[in-house]
Amino acid sequence: MYCSLECPSTQETWENALKTKFRRTIGPTTLRNKAPRWHEHLQCWCLNFHGRVTVASVKNFQLVAAAEPSDPTGTVDEETVLLQFGKVDDDMFTMDYRQPLSAFQAFAISLSSFGTKLACE
């Protein structure tokens, strides 16, 4: 999954964002799936959800900031998970997100994962 979106500045507070009509943006942010690692004991590819996701599913994913080829300094941390979404019960999922994503953006991205994977399970 690749996702490109405009995120509000991380220097703004919630109160200041409500008072202003226009938010400054920090530019486009590109997210991509975090690559799974091979688990020797289980003999499968796995992502570490730190106990937040308990059921294996094709809908489970973690998104990290993608490195921009135009960024020569490489200041993007490709290991920090900005959004994770996963199954915890038959009809129950969990979503965790962090800045620079808003709750609305994270929820919209998570919902979009259902559109392409409806018949996979």
Protein backbone atom coordinates (compact mmCIF):
# COMPACT_ATOMS: atom_id res chain seq x y z
CA MET A 1 0.00 0.00 0.00
CA TYR A 2 1.25 3.46 -0.86
CA CYS A 3 -0.43 6.61 0.39
CA SER A 4 0.43 10.25 -0.28
CA LEU A 5 -1.30 12.98 1.73
CA GLU A 6 -0.92 16.48 3.11
CA CYS A 7 -0.41 16.60 6.87
CA PRO A 8 -0.83 19.62 9.17
CA SER A 9 2.22 21.07 10.87
CA THR A 10 3.29 19.16 13.97
CA GLN A 11 3.95 22.49 15.74
CA GLU A 12 0.27 23.35 15.93
CA THR A 13 -1.78 22.59 18.99
CA TRP A 14 -5.36 21.39 18.84
CA GLU A 15 -6.60 24.67 20.28
CA ASN A 16 -4.67 26.78 17.76
CA ALA A 17 -5.92 24.61 14.87
CA LEU A 18 -9.53 25.31 15.88
CA LYS A 19 -8.94 29.07 15.94
CA THR A 20 -7.35 29.34 12.51
CA LYS A 21 -9.14 28.95 9.20
CA PHE A 22 -6.10 27.70 7.28
CA ARG A 23 -3.57 25.24 8.61
CA ARG A 24 0.01 25.24 7.45
CA THR A 25 1.06 22.00 5.86
CA ILE A 26 4.48 20.42 6.06
CA GLY A 27 4.21 19.15 2.53
CA PRO A 28 3.16 15.79 1.14
CA THR A 29 3.84 12.74 3.27
CA THR A 30 4.22 9.41 1.52
CA LEU A 31 3.46 6.25 3.48
CA ARG A 32 4.22 2.66 2.50
CA ASN A 33 3.76 -0.79 4.02
CA LYS A 34 6.40 -1.79 6.49
CA ALA A 35 8.22 -4.83 5.19
CA PRO A 36 7.64 -7.99 7.27
CA ARG A 37 10.56 -9.96 8.71
CA TRP A 38 11.08 -13.71 8.52
CA HIS A 39 10.34 -15.40 11.86
CA GLU A 40 12.59 -18.45 12.19
CA HIS A 41 10.53 -20.17 14.90
CA LEU A 42 7.15 -19.75 13.16
CA GLN A 43 8.61 -20.13 9.65
CA CYS A 44 6.57 -17.26 8.25
CA TRP A 45 6.72 -13.54 7.50
CA CYS A 46 5.62 -11.44 10.50
CA LEU A 47 5.11 -7.86 11.63
CA ASN A 48 5.56 -6.87 15.27
CA PHE A 49 2.35 -5.25 16.50
CA HIS A 50 3.60 -5.27 20.13
CA GLY A 51 0.58 -7.24 21.34
CA ARG A 52 -2.00 -4.84 19.87
CA VAL A 53 -3.10 -7.24 17.09
CA THR A 54 -3.98 -10.79 18.11
CA VAL A 55 -5.54 -12.42 15.02
CA ALA A 56 -3.74 -13.12 11.75
CA SER A 57 -5.48 -11.42 8.82
CA VAL A 58 -4.74 -10.12 5.34
CA LYS A 59 -6.21 -6.81 6.53
CA ASN A 60 -3.44 -6.27 9.11
CA PHE A 61 -0.91 -3.63 8.07
CA GLN A 62 1.64 -1.13 9.33
CA LEU A 63 2.53 2.06 7.45
CA VAL A 64 5.83 3.93 7.76
CA ALA A 65 7.05 7.12 6.09
CA ALA A 66 8.64 6.34 2.74
CA ALA A 67 12.04 7.83 2.02
CA GLU A 68 11.88 10.52 -0.64
CA PRO A 69 14.45 10.14 -3.41
CA SER A 70 14.59 13.95 -3.61
CA ASP A 71 15.63 14.17 0.08
CA PRO A 72 19.45 13.88 0.07
CA THR A 73 19.70 14.14 3.86
CA GLY A 74 17.53 11.06 4.42
CA THR A 75 15.83 12.56 7.48
CA VAL A 76 12.83 10.21 7.21
CA ASP A 77 12.72 7.42 9.81
CA GLU A 78 11.60 4.33 7.89
CA GLU A 79 11.20 2.24 11.06
CA THR A 80 8.72 4.39 13.01
CA VAL A 81 5.21 3.09 12.44
CA LEU A 82 2.82 5.98 11.79
CA LEU A 83 -0.32 3.84 11.39
CA GLN A 84 -1.08 0.26 12.29
CA PHE A 85 -4.35 -1.54 11.78
CA GLY A 86 -5.19 -5.11 12.67
CA LYS A 87 -7.70 -7.71 13.70
CA VAL A 88 -8.28 -8.49 17.38
CA ASP A 89 -11.48 -10.60 17.16
CA ASP A 90 -13.90 -11.98 14.54
CA ASP A 91 -15.51 -8.61 13.82
CA MET A 92 -13.25 -6.28 15.78
CA PHE A 93 -10.19 -4.32 14.66
CA THR A 94 -7.76 -1.91 16.31
CA MET A 95 -6.13 1.19 14.82
CA ASP A 96 -3.16 3.10 16.24
CA TYR A 97 -1.77 6.26 14.66
CA ARG A 98 0.63 9.07 15.45
CA GLN A 99 1.63 12.47 14.11
CA PRO A 100 1.70 13.74 11.43
CA LEU A 101 -1.53 11.81 10.68
CA SER A 102 -4.86 13.07 11.97
CA ALA A 103 -7.53 10.71 13.32
CA PHE A 104 -9.64 11.31 10.22
CA GLN A 105 -6.75 10.50 7.84
CA ALA A 106 -5.83 7.35 9.77
CA PHE A 107 -9.45 6.15 9.83
CA ALA A 108 -9.91 6.83 6.10
CA ILE A 109 -6.75 4.89 5.23
CA SER A 110 -7.84 1.99 7.44
CA LEU A 111 -11.31 1.88 5.85
CA SER A 112 -9.78 1.88 2.39
CA SER A 113 -8.02 -1.42 3.18
CA PHE A 114 -11.44 -3.13 3.30
CA GLY A 115 -12.31 -2.12 -0.26
CA THR A 116 -9.56 -4.19 -1.85
CA LYS A 117 -9.64 -7.18 0.50
CA LEU A 118 -13.34 -7.98 0.96
CA ALA A 119 -13.19 -11.55 -0.28
CA CYS A 120 -9.72 -12.50 0.94
CA GLU A 121 -10.73 -14.21 4.19
